[in-house]
Amino acid sequence: MVDKLKAQDSSVPALASRVSFIVHTLNSRIAMVGNRHFRAHDLNHYSARILVLLLEHEELRTGELVDLMVLPQSTISSQLQGLHAKRLVRRRRSRKDNRSVIVTLTPPGLELARDCNGLSLRVHEAVLEGVSAREAKAGFAFMNKINTRLLALQQQTEQLYPFHDPDQLRQPAAMPIAPVAVRPRRVKP
């Protein structure tokens, strides 16, 4: 099927050459590098990023974290529950708006946030090693342009691509299923 697509249009980029997939692999690799360090504290890259954002901003509302992390409310809530259970963050209701929850770092959270920030800076420096200031500036401009375009796509109300409805997908032809040999279990006396 893939070969048919390529044969039909040689300008169709393979998945590995698409911006979305490259960004995915970059994010996955960054998470893998960080997760080796976070494991001892039972953190993941989301919770580590939340700690660094709190280090930079001192306090944030849950909704602000949702906006900054570009993650669903449910994901942020579960990350905050985990950080709160580890006593790394405090959560309190806003006096001005009882629906709003304000999150701050505890003293142990502050220390760990500094470690997470240090690792983030080291990764940033290592990734940019050997990259000229001009290349870095162009790369960041390109990524910011992509981010702006993705935000516009996210807010677009019409459907971007017409997916098939689930009931319209072709079902594979009924294929005979070969019987699987099952070995009898040995019972110990």
N, C-alpha and C. Protein backbone atom coordinates (compact mmCIF):
# COMPACT_ATOMS: atom_id res chain seq x y z
N MET A 1 0.82 -1.19 0.00
CA MET A 1 0.00 0.00 0.00
C MET A 1 0.87 1.27 0.00
N VAL A 2 1.91 1.25 0.87
CA VAL A 2 2.80 2.42 0.93
C VAL A 2 3.51 2.61 -0.40
N ASP A 3 3.95 1.50 -1.00
CA ASP A 3 4.62 1.60 -2.29
C ASP A 3 3.68 2.18 -3.34
N LYS A 4 2.39 1.83 -3.26
CA LYS A 4 1.41 2.38 -4.18
C LYS A 4 1.32 3.89 -4.02
N LEU A 5 1.32 4.36 -2.75
CA LEU A 5 1.26 5.79 -2.50
C LEU A 5 2.47 6.49 -3.11
N LYS A 6 3.65 5.92 -2.90
CA LYS A 6 4.87 6.54 -3.43
C LYS A 6 4.87 6.51 -4.95
N ALA A 7 4.39 5.41 -5.52
CA ALA A 7 4.35 5.29 -6.97
C ALA A 7 3.40 6.32 -7.57
N GLN A 8 2.30 6.58 -6.85
CA GLN A 8 1.32 7.55 -7.34
C GLN A 8 1.87 8.97 -7.29
N ASP A 9 2.59 9.28 -6.24
CA ASP A 9 3.06 10.65 -6.07
C ASP A 9 4.40 10.62 -5.35
N SER A 10 5.48 10.82 -6.07
CA SER A 10 6.81 10.76 -5.45
C SER A 10 7.08 11.95 -4.54
N SER A 11 6.20 12.94 -4.53
CA SER A 11 6.39 14.10 -3.66
C SER A 11 5.83 13.86 -2.25
N VAL A 12 5.17 12.73 -2.04
CA VAL A 12 4.62 12.43 -0.72
C VAL A 12 5.78 12.03 0.19
N PRO A 13 6.03 12.81 1.24
CA PRO A 13 7.17 12.48 2.11
C PRO A 13 6.86 11.26 2.99
N ALA A 14 7.84 10.42 3.18
CA ALA A 14 7.70 9.28 4.09
C ALA A 14 7.47 9.83 5.50
N LEU A 15 6.84 9.04 6.34
CA LEU A 15 6.53 9.49 7.70
C LEU A 15 7.77 10.02 8.42
N ALA A 16 8.89 9.35 8.28
CA ALA A 16 10.12 9.76 8.97
C ALA A 16 10.63 11.12 8.51
N SER A 17 10.12 11.63 7.38
CA SER A 17 10.55 12.92 6.86
C SER A 17 9.55 14.04 7.15
N ARG A 18 8.48 13.73 7.88
CA ARG A 18 7.45 14.73 8.16
C ARG A 18 7.75 15.45 9.47
N VAL A 19 7.45 16.74 9.51
CA VAL A 19 7.71 17.55 10.71
C VAL A 19 7.09 16.92 11.94
N SER A 20 5.84 16.45 11.84
CA SER A 20 5.15 15.89 13.00
C SER A 20 5.90 14.70 13.58
N PHE A 21 6.44 13.85 12.72
CA PHE A 21 7.14 12.67 13.21
C PHE A 21 8.51 13.04 13.78
N ILE A 22 9.19 13.96 13.15
CA ILE A 22 10.49 14.40 13.66
C ILE A 22 10.33 15.04 15.04
N VAL A 23 9.31 15.88 15.20
CA VAL A 23 9.05 16.49 16.50
C VAL A 23 8.72 15.41 17.53
N HIS A 24 7.93 14.43 17.10
CA HIS A 24 7.60 13.32 18.00
C HIS A 24 8.87 12.60 18.47
N THR A 25 9.76 12.27 17.54
CA THR A 25 10.97 11.54 17.93
C THR A 25 11.88 12.40 18.81
N LEU A 26 11.96 13.70 18.52
CA LEU A 26 12.76 14.58 19.36
C LEU A 26 12.22 14.61 20.79
N ASN A 27 10.90 14.77 20.91
CA ASN A 27 10.28 14.81 22.23
C ASN A 27 10.49 13.48 22.97
N SER A 28 10.36 12.38 22.25
CA SER A 28 10.56 11.07 22.87
C SER A 28 11.99 10.90 23.35
N ARG A 29 12.95 11.33 22.54
CA ARG A 29 14.36 11.21 22.95
C ARG A 29 14.67 12.10 24.15
N ILE A 30 14.12 13.30 24.16
CA ILE A 30 14.33 14.19 25.31
C ILE A 30 13.74 13.54 26.56
N ALA A 31 12.57 12.96 26.44
CA ALA A 31 11.95 12.28 27.58
C ALA A 31 12.81 11.12 28.05
N MET A 32 13.36 10.35 27.11
CA MET A 32 14.19 9.20 27.49
C MET A 32 15.45 9.64 28.23
N VAL A 33 16.07 10.72 27.77
CA VAL A 33 17.26 11.24 28.44
C VAL A 33 16.89 11.65 29.87
N GLY A 34 15.81 12.41 29.99
CA GLY A 34 15.39 12.89 31.31
C GLY A 34 14.91 11.79 32.23
N ASN A 35 14.18 10.83 31.67
CA ASN A 35 13.60 9.78 32.52
C ASN A 35 14.65 8.98 33.27
N ARG A 36 15.84 8.83 32.71
CA ARG A 36 16.92 8.14 33.43
C ARG A 36 17.23 8.86 34.74
N HIS A 37 17.16 10.19 34.71
CA HIS A 37 17.47 11.00 35.89
C HIS A 37 16.26 11.11 36.82
N PHE A 38 15.07 11.13 36.25
CA PHE A 38 13.86 11.34 37.04
C PHE A 38 13.43 10.08 37.79
N ARG A 39 13.85 8.92 37.31
CA ARG A 39 13.40 7.63 37.86
C ARG A 39 13.57 7.55 39.37
N ALA A 40 14.68 8.03 39.89
CA ALA A 40 14.96 7.94 41.33
C ALA A 40 13.92 8.70 42.15
N HIS A 41 13.29 9.70 41.54
CA HIS A 41 12.29 10.52 42.24
C HIS A 41 10.87 10.19 41.80
N ASP A 42 10.73 9.13 41.01
CA ASP A 42 9.42 8.70 40.51
C ASP A 42 8.72 9.84 39.77
N LEU A 43 9.48 10.54 38.93
CA LEU A 43 8.94 11.62 38.10
C LEU A 43 8.93 11.17 36.65
N ASN A 44 8.27 11.94 35.81
CA ASN A 44 8.37 11.77 34.37
C ASN A 44 8.65 13.15 33.77
N HIS A 45 8.78 13.21 32.45
CA HIS A 45 9.16 14.50 31.85
C HIS A 45 8.06 15.55 32.01
N TYR A 46 6.79 15.15 32.11
CA TYR A 46 5.73 16.13 32.34
C TYR A 46 5.86 16.74 33.73
N SER A 47 6.01 15.90 34.74
CA SER A 47 6.10 16.43 36.10
C SER A 47 7.36 17.26 36.29
N ALA A 48 8.45 16.85 35.64
CA ALA A 48 9.69 17.63 35.74
C ALA A 48 9.52 19.02 35.10
N ARG A 49 8.82 19.06 33.97
CA ARG A 49 8.58 20.35 33.32
C ARG A 49 7.67 21.24 34.17
N ILE A 50 6.70 20.63 34.83
CA ILE A 50 5.83 21.40 35.72
C ILE A 50 6.66 22.01 36.84
N LEU A 51 7.57 21.23 37.42
CA LEU A 51 8.42 21.75 38.50
C LEU A 51 9.25 22.94 38.01
N VAL A 52 9.81 22.83 36.80
CA VAL A 52 10.64 23.92 36.27
C VAL A 52 9.78 25.15 35.99
N LEU A 53 8.57 24.96 35.46
CA LEU A 53 7.69 26.10 35.24
C LEU A 53 7.35 26.79 36.56
N LEU A 54 7.13 26.01 37.61
CA LEU A 54 6.85 26.60 38.92
C LEU A 54 8.09 27.31 39.47
N LEU A 55 9.27 26.78 39.19
CA LEU A 55 10.51 27.44 39.59
C LEU A 55 10.61 28.81 38.91
N GLU A 56 10.28 28.86 37.63
CA GLU A 56 10.37 30.12 36.88
C GLU A 56 9.29 31.12 37.26
N HIS A 57 8.08 30.64 37.57
CA HIS A 57 6.95 31.54 37.81
C HIS A 57 6.56 31.69 39.28
N GLU A 58 7.16 30.90 40.15
CA GLU A 58 6.87 30.88 41.60
C GLU A 58 5.52 30.27 41.92
N GLU A 59 4.46 30.69 41.23
CA GLU A 59 3.15 30.07 41.41
C GLU A 59 2.39 30.16 40.09
N LEU A 60 1.58 29.13 39.86
CA LEU A 60 0.76 29.11 38.65
C LEU A 60 -0.60 28.50 38.97
N ARG A 61 -1.60 28.96 38.27
CA ARG A 61 -2.92 28.34 38.36
C ARG A 61 -2.90 27.07 37.52
N THR A 62 -3.73 26.14 37.86
CA THR A 62 -3.81 24.89 37.10
C THR A 62 -4.09 25.19 35.63
N GLY A 63 -4.99 26.11 35.35
CA GLY A 63 -5.31 26.47 33.97
C GLY A 63 -4.12 27.04 33.23
N GLU A 64 -3.27 27.78 33.93
CA GLU A 64 -2.07 28.32 33.30
C GLU A 64 -1.11 27.19 32.93
N LEU A 65 -1.02 26.17 33.79
CA LEU A 65 -0.18 25.01 33.49
C LEU A 65 -0.72 24.26 32.27
N VAL A 66 -2.04 24.14 32.18
CA VAL A 66 -2.66 23.51 31.01
C VAL A 66 -2.24 24.26 29.75
N ASP A 67 -2.32 25.59 29.78
CA ASP A 67 -1.96 26.40 28.61
C ASP A 67 -0.46 26.31 28.29
N LEU A 68 0.39 26.40 29.30
CA LEU A 68 1.83 26.37 29.08
C LEU A 68 2.32 25.01 28.59
N MET A 69 1.76 23.94 29.16
CA MET A 69 2.20 22.59 28.81
C MET A 69 1.49 22.06 27.56
N VAL A 70 0.42 22.71 27.16
CA VAL A 70 -0.38 22.28 26.01
C VAL A 70 -0.77 20.81 26.19
N LEU A 71 -1.33 20.54 27.36
CA LEU A 71 -1.80 19.20 27.71
C LEU A 71 -3.22 19.29 28.23
N PRO A 72 -3.96 18.20 28.17
CA PRO A 72 -5.33 18.22 28.70
C PRO A 72 -5.36 18.48 30.21
N GLN A 73 -6.45 19.06 30.66
CA GLN A 73 -6.66 19.33 32.09
C GLN A 73 -6.47 18.04 32.91
N SER A 74 -6.99 16.93 32.42
CA SER A 74 -6.91 15.66 33.16
C SER A 74 -5.45 15.22 33.35
N THR A 75 -4.62 15.42 32.34
CA THR A 75 -3.20 15.05 32.45
C THR A 75 -2.50 15.93 33.47
N ILE A 76 -2.76 17.23 33.43
CA ILE A 76 -2.14 18.14 34.39
C ILE A 76 -2.62 17.80 35.79
N SER A 77 -3.90 17.53 35.95
CA SER A 77 -4.45 17.19 37.28
C SER A 77 -3.79 15.95 37.84
N SER A 78 -3.62 14.92 37.01
CA SER A 78 -3.00 13.69 37.53
C SER A 78 -1.52 13.92 37.86
N GLN A 79 -0.83 14.74 37.07
CA GLN A 79 0.57 15.06 37.37
C GLN A 79 0.65 15.83 38.69
N LEU A 80 -0.26 16.78 38.88
CA LEU A 80 -0.24 17.56 40.12
C LEU A 80 -0.60 16.70 41.33
N GLN A 81 -1.50 15.75 41.16
CA GLN A 81 -1.83 14.84 42.26
C GLN A 81 -0.59 14.07 42.69
N GLY A 82 0.16 13.57 41.69
CA GLY A 82 1.39 12.84 42.00
C GLY A 82 2.43 13.71 42.69
N LEU A 83 2.61 14.92 42.20
CA LEU A 83 3.57 15.84 42.82
C LEU A 83 3.14 16.23 44.23
N HIS A 84 1.84 16.39 44.41
CA HIS A 84 1.30 16.74 45.74
C HIS A 84 1.49 15.56 46.70
N ALA A 85 1.24 14.36 46.23
CA ALA A 85 1.42 13.16 47.07
C ALA A 85 2.87 13.00 47.50
N LYS A 86 3.80 13.42 46.66
CA LYS A 86 5.24 13.35 46.99
C LYS A 86 5.68 14.57 47.79
N ARG A 87 4.74 15.46 48.08
CA ARG A 87 4.99 16.67 48.86
C ARG A 87 6.00 17.62 48.19
N LEU A 88 5.89 17.66 46.85
CA LEU A 88 6.76 18.55 46.08
C LEU A 88 6.06 19.85 45.72
N VAL A 89 4.73 19.84 45.73
CA VAL A 89 3.95 21.05 45.45
C VAL A 89 2.84 21.20 46.48
N ARG A 90 2.40 22.45 46.61
CA ARG A 90 1.22 22.78 47.42
C ARG A 90 0.14 23.25 46.47
N ARG A 91 -1.09 22.91 46.80
CA ARG A 91 -2.22 23.40 46.02
C ARG A 91 -3.18 24.10 46.98
N ARG A 92 -3.66 25.25 46.55
CA ARG A 92 -4.64 25.96 47.37
C ARG A 92 -5.62 26.68 46.47
N ARG A 93 -6.81 26.86 46.97
CA ARG A 93 -7.84 27.58 46.23
C ARG A 93 -7.52 29.06 46.24
N SER A 94 -7.80 29.70 45.13
CA SER A 94 -7.61 31.14 45.04
C SER A 94 -8.65 31.85 45.90
N ARG A 95 -8.24 32.89 46.59
CA ARG A 95 -9.19 33.68 47.39
C ARG A 95 -10.13 34.47 46.49
N LYS A 96 -9.64 34.85 45.31
CA LYS A 96 -10.44 35.65 44.38
C LYS A 96 -11.44 34.80 43.60
N ASP A 97 -11.06 33.55 43.29
CA ASP A 97 -11.91 32.68 42.49
C ASP A 97 -11.78 31.27 43.05
N ASN A 98 -12.78 30.83 43.78
CA ASN A 98 -12.74 29.53 44.46
C ASN A 98 -12.59 28.36 43.48
N ARG A 99 -12.91 28.55 42.20
CA ARG A 99 -12.76 27.48 41.22
C ARG A 99 -11.31 27.32 40.79
N SER A 100 -10.50 28.30 41.02
CA SER A 100 -9.12 28.30 40.57
C SER A 100 -8.18 27.73 41.64
N VAL A 101 -7.29 26.84 41.23
CA VAL A 101 -6.32 26.24 42.14
C VAL A 101 -4.94 26.81 41.81
N ILE A 102 -4.26 27.31 42.85
CA ILE A 102 -2.92 27.87 42.69
C ILE A 102 -1.90 26.85 43.19
N VAL A 103 -0.86 26.64 42.40
CA VAL A 103 0.16 25.63 42.71
C VAL A 103 1.49 26.33 42.98
N THR A 104 2.16 25.91 44.05
CA THR A 104 3.49 26.43 44.39
C THR A 104 4.38 25.26 44.78
N LEU A 105 5.68 25.50 44.80
CA LEU A 105 6.65 24.49 45.20
C LEU A 105 6.82 24.46 46.71
N THR A 106 7.03 23.27 47.25
CA THR A 106 7.43 23.12 48.65
C THR A 106 8.96 23.23 48.67
N PRO A 107 9.58 23.34 49.85
CA PRO A 107 11.06 23.38 49.88
C PRO A 107 11.72 22.17 49.19
N PRO A 108 11.25 20.92 49.44
CA PRO A 108 11.86 19.81 48.67
C PRO A 108 11.56 19.92 47.17
N GLY A 109 10.38 20.41 46.82
CA GLY A 109 10.03 20.61 45.42
C GLY A 109 10.92 21.63 44.75
N LEU A 110 11.27 22.68 45.52
CA LEU A 110 12.16 23.72 45.00
C LEU A 110 13.54 23.14 44.68
N GLU A 111 14.07 22.30 45.58
CA GLU A 111 15.38 21.68 45.33
C GLU A 111 15.33 20.78 44.10
N LEU A 112 14.27 19.97 44.00
CA LEU A 112 14.15 19.06 42.87
C LEU A 112 13.90 19.84 41.57
N ALA A 113 13.15 20.93 41.65
CA ALA A 113 12.92 21.78 40.47
C ALA A 113 14.23 22.36 39.96
N ARG A 114 15.12 22.73 40.87
CA ARG A 114 16.43 23.25 40.47
C ARG A 114 17.24 22.15 39.76
N ASP A 115 17.15 20.91 40.26
CA ASP A 115 17.83 19.80 39.59
C ASP A 115 17.26 19.57 38.19
N CYS A 116 15.94 19.57 38.08
CA CYS A 116 15.29 19.38 36.78
C CYS A 116 15.67 20.49 35.82
N ASN A 117 15.72 21.71 36.31
CA ASN A 117 16.12 22.85 35.49
C ASN A 117 17.58 22.71 35.05
N GLY A 118 18.44 22.27 35.95
CA GLY A 118 19.85 22.05 35.60
C GLY A 118 20.00 21.01 34.50
N LEU A 119 19.24 19.92 34.60
CA LEU A 119 19.28 18.90 33.56
C LEU A 119 18.75 19.46 32.24
N SER A 120 17.67 20.21 32.29
CA SER A 120 17.09 20.80 31.08
C SER A 120 18.10 21.72 30.39
N LEU A 121 18.81 22.52 31.19
CA LEU A 121 19.82 23.41 30.62
C LEU A 121 20.98 22.62 30.01
N ARG A 122 21.39 21.53 30.67
CA ARG A 122 22.48 20.70 30.13
C ARG A 122 22.08 20.09 28.79
N VAL A 123 20.83 19.58 28.72
CA VAL A 123 20.33 19.00 27.47
C VAL A 123 20.29 20.07 26.39
N HIS A 124 19.79 21.25 26.75
CA HIS A 124 19.71 22.38 25.81
C HIS A 124 21.10 22.70 25.25
N GLU A 125 22.09 22.79 26.15
CA GLU A 125 23.46 23.11 25.73
C GLU A 125 24.05 22.00 24.86
N ALA A 126 23.82 20.75 25.25
CA ALA A 126 24.37 19.62 24.49
C ALA A 126 23.76 19.54 23.09
N VAL A 127 22.47 19.80 23.00
CA VAL A 127 21.79 19.75 21.70
C VAL A 127 22.31 20.86 20.78
N LEU A 128 22.61 22.01 21.34
CA LEU A 128 23.06 23.15 20.53
C LEU A 128 24.58 23.19 20.35
N GLU A 129 25.29 22.23 20.93
CA GLU A 129 26.74 22.20 20.78
C GLU A 129 27.11 22.05 19.30
N GLY A 130 27.96 22.93 18.84
CA GLY A 130 28.39 22.88 17.43
C GLY A 130 27.41 23.55 16.47
N VAL A 131 26.33 24.10 17.01
CA VAL A 131 25.36 24.81 16.19
C VAL A 131 25.67 26.30 16.30
N SER A 132 25.81 26.96 15.16
CA SER A 132 26.13 28.38 15.19
C SER A 132 24.95 29.18 15.72
N ALA A 133 25.23 30.39 16.18
CA ALA A 133 24.16 31.27 16.68
C ALA A 133 23.14 31.53 15.57
N ARG A 134 23.63 31.67 14.36
CA ARG A 134 22.74 31.91 13.22
C ARG A 134 21.83 30.70 12.98
N GLU A 135 22.41 29.50 13.01
CA GLU A 135 21.61 28.28 12.82
C GLU A 135 20.59 28.12 13.94
N ALA A 136 21.00 28.38 15.16
CA ALA A 136 20.08 28.27 16.30
C ALA A 136 18.93 29.25 16.17
N LYS A 137 19.26 30.49 15.81
CA LYS A 137 18.22 31.52 15.66
C LYS A 137 17.24 31.10 14.57
N ALA A 138 17.75 30.61 13.44
CA ALA A 138 16.88 30.17 12.34
C ALA A 138 16.05 28.96 12.76
N GLY A 139 16.65 28.04 13.50
CA GLY A 139 15.93 26.85 13.98
C GLY A 139 14.80 27.21 14.93
N PHE A 140 15.08 28.11 15.87
CA PHE A 140 14.03 28.53 16.81
C PHE A 140 12.93 29.31 16.10
N ALA A 141 13.32 30.13 15.12
CA ALA A 141 12.31 30.87 14.36
C ALA A 141 11.41 29.90 13.60
N PHE A 142 12.01 28.88 13.01
CA PHE A 142 11.26 27.86 12.28
C PHE A 142 10.31 27.12 13.22
N MET A 143 10.80 26.69 14.38
CA MET A 143 9.95 25.96 15.33
C MET A 143 8.82 26.84 15.85
N ASN A 144 9.10 28.12 16.10
CA ASN A 144 8.04 29.03 16.55
C ASN A 144 7.00 29.25 15.46
N LYS A 145 7.44 29.30 14.22
CA LYS A 145 6.50 29.44 13.10
C LYS A 145 5.60 28.20 13.02
N ILE A 146 6.19 27.04 13.17
CA ILE A 146 5.41 25.79 13.17
C ILE A 146 4.42 25.80 14.33
N ASN A 147 4.87 26.20 15.49
CA ASN A 147 4.00 26.25 16.67
C ASN A 147 2.80 27.17 16.42
N THR A 148 3.05 28.32 15.83
CA THR A 148 1.96 29.26 15.52
C THR A 148 0.98 28.65 14.52
N ARG A 149 1.50 27.97 13.52
CA ARG A 149 0.62 27.35 12.52
C ARG A 149 -0.18 26.20 13.14
N LEU A 150 0.45 25.43 14.01
CA LEU A 150 -0.28 24.34 14.67
C LEU A 150 -1.37 24.89 15.59
N LEU A 151 -1.11 25.99 16.25
CA LEU A 151 -2.13 26.63 17.08
C LEU A 151 -3.32 27.05 16.22
N ALA A 152 -3.04 27.59 15.05
CA ALA A 152 -4.12 27.97 14.13
C ALA A 152 -4.90 26.74 13.68
N LEU A 153 -4.21 25.65 13.39
CA LEU A 153 -4.89 24.41 13.00
C LEU A 153 -5.73 23.87 14.14
N GLN A 154 -5.21 23.97 15.34
CA GLN A 154 -5.91 23.50 16.54
C GLN A 154 -7.22 24.26 16.73
N GLN A 155 -7.22 25.53 16.40
CA GLN A 155 -8.41 26.37 16.59
C GLN A 155 -9.34 26.35 15.39
N GLN A 156 -8.90 25.72 14.31
CA GLN A 156 -9.70 25.64 13.09
C GLN A 156 -10.94 24.79 13.36
N THR A 157 -12.08 25.27 12.94
CA THR A 157 -13.32 24.55 13.23
C THR A 157 -13.65 23.50 12.18
N GLU A 158 -13.27 23.73 10.92
CA GLU A 158 -13.59 22.72 9.91
C GLU A 158 -12.60 21.56 10.00
N GLN A 159 -13.06 20.44 9.48
CA GLN A 159 -12.26 19.23 9.52
C GLN A 159 -11.06 19.38 8.59
N LEU A 160 -9.88 19.03 9.07
CA LEU A 160 -8.65 19.18 8.30
C LEU A 160 -8.52 18.09 7.24
N TYR A 161 -8.94 16.88 7.60
CA TYR A 161 -8.86 15.76 6.68
C TYR A 161 -10.08 14.88 6.88
N PRO A 162 -10.75 14.47 5.81
CA PRO A 162 -11.99 13.70 5.96
C PRO A 162 -11.74 12.22 6.24
N PHE A 163 -11.68 11.86 7.51
CA PHE A 163 -11.49 10.46 7.89
C PHE A 163 -12.73 9.64 7.54
N HIS A 164 -12.51 8.37 7.27
CA HIS A 164 -13.64 7.46 7.08
C HIS A 164 -14.34 7.27 8.41
N ASP A 165 -15.65 7.16 8.38
CA ASP A 165 -16.38 6.78 9.59
C ASP A 165 -16.01 5.35 9.92
N PRO A 166 -16.01 4.97 11.20
CA PRO A 166 -15.62 3.60 11.56
C PRO A 166 -16.41 2.53 10.81
N ASP A 167 -17.71 2.75 10.59
CA ASP A 167 -18.51 1.73 9.91
C ASP A 167 -18.25 1.69 8.40
N GLN A 168 -17.49 2.66 7.87
CA GLN A 168 -17.17 2.68 6.45
C GLN A 168 -15.84 2.00 6.14
N LEU A 169 -15.07 1.67 7.16
CA LEU A 169 -13.79 1.03 6.92
C LEU A 169 -14.01 -0.37 6.37
N ARG A 170 -13.22 -0.74 5.41
CA ARG A 170 -13.34 -2.08 4.82
C ARG A 170 -12.92 -3.13 5.84
N GLN A 171 -13.73 -4.12 5.98
CA GLN A 171 -13.41 -5.23 6.87
C GLN A 171 -12.62 -6.26 6.09
N PRO A 172 -11.61 -6.86 6.69
CA PRO A 172 -10.85 -7.89 5.96
C PRO A 172 -11.77 -9.07 5.66
N ALA A 173 -11.51 -9.73 4.57
CA ALA A 173 -12.30 -10.89 4.21
C ALA A 173 -12.15 -11.94 5.31
N ALA A 174 -13.22 -12.67 5.50
CA ALA A 174 -13.18 -13.71 6.54
C ALA A 174 -12.07 -14.69 6.20
N MET A 175 -11.15 -14.82 7.11
CA MET A 175 -10.02 -15.70 6.91
C MET A 175 -10.15 -16.87 7.86
N PRO A 176 -9.92 -18.08 7.36
CA PRO A 176 -9.99 -19.22 8.27
C PRO A 176 -8.86 -19.11 9.30
N ILE A 177 -9.19 -19.39 10.51
CA ILE A 177 -8.21 -19.31 11.58
C ILE A 177 -7.71 -20.71 11.88
N ALA A 178 -6.42 -20.88 11.76
CA ALA A 178 -5.82 -22.19 12.02
C ALA A 178 -5.89 -22.48 13.51
N PRO A 179 -6.23 -23.72 13.86
CA PRO A 179 -6.28 -24.05 15.28
C PRO A 179 -4.89 -23.95 15.90
N VAL A 180 -4.85 -23.52 17.12
CA VAL A 180 -3.60 -23.38 17.86
C VAL A 180 -3.47 -24.59 18.77
N ALA A 181 -2.33 -25.22 18.67
CA ALA A 181 -2.09 -26.39 19.52
C ALA A 181 -1.87 -25.93 20.96
N VAL A 182 -2.62 -26.51 21.86
CA VAL A 182 -2.52 -26.15 23.27
C VAL A 182 -1.93 -27.34 24.00
N ARG A 183 -0.81 -27.08 24.66
CA ARG A 183 -0.19 -28.15 25.44
C ARG A 183 -0.90 -28.26 26.77
N PRO A 184 -1.19 -29.47 27.19
CA PRO A 184 -1.84 -29.63 28.50
C PRO A 184 -0.89 -29.20 29.61
N ARG A 185 -1.46 -28.61 30.63
CA ARG A 185 -0.64 -28.18 31.76
C ARG A 185 -0.27 -29.36 32.63
N ARG A 186 0.93 -29.33 33.08
CA ARG A 186 1.37 -30.39 34.01
C ARG A 186 0.93 -30.02 35.40
N VAL A 187 0.40 -30.98 36.05
CA VAL A 187 -0.04 -30.75 37.43
C VAL A 187 0.96 -31.44 38.32
N LYS A 188 1.52 -30.68 39.25
CA LYS A 188 2.49 -31.24 40.18
C LYS A 188 1.74 -31.99 41.27
N PRO A 189 2.24 -33.19 41.58
CA PRO A 189 1.57 -33.96 42.64
C PRO A 189 1.78 -33.38 44.01
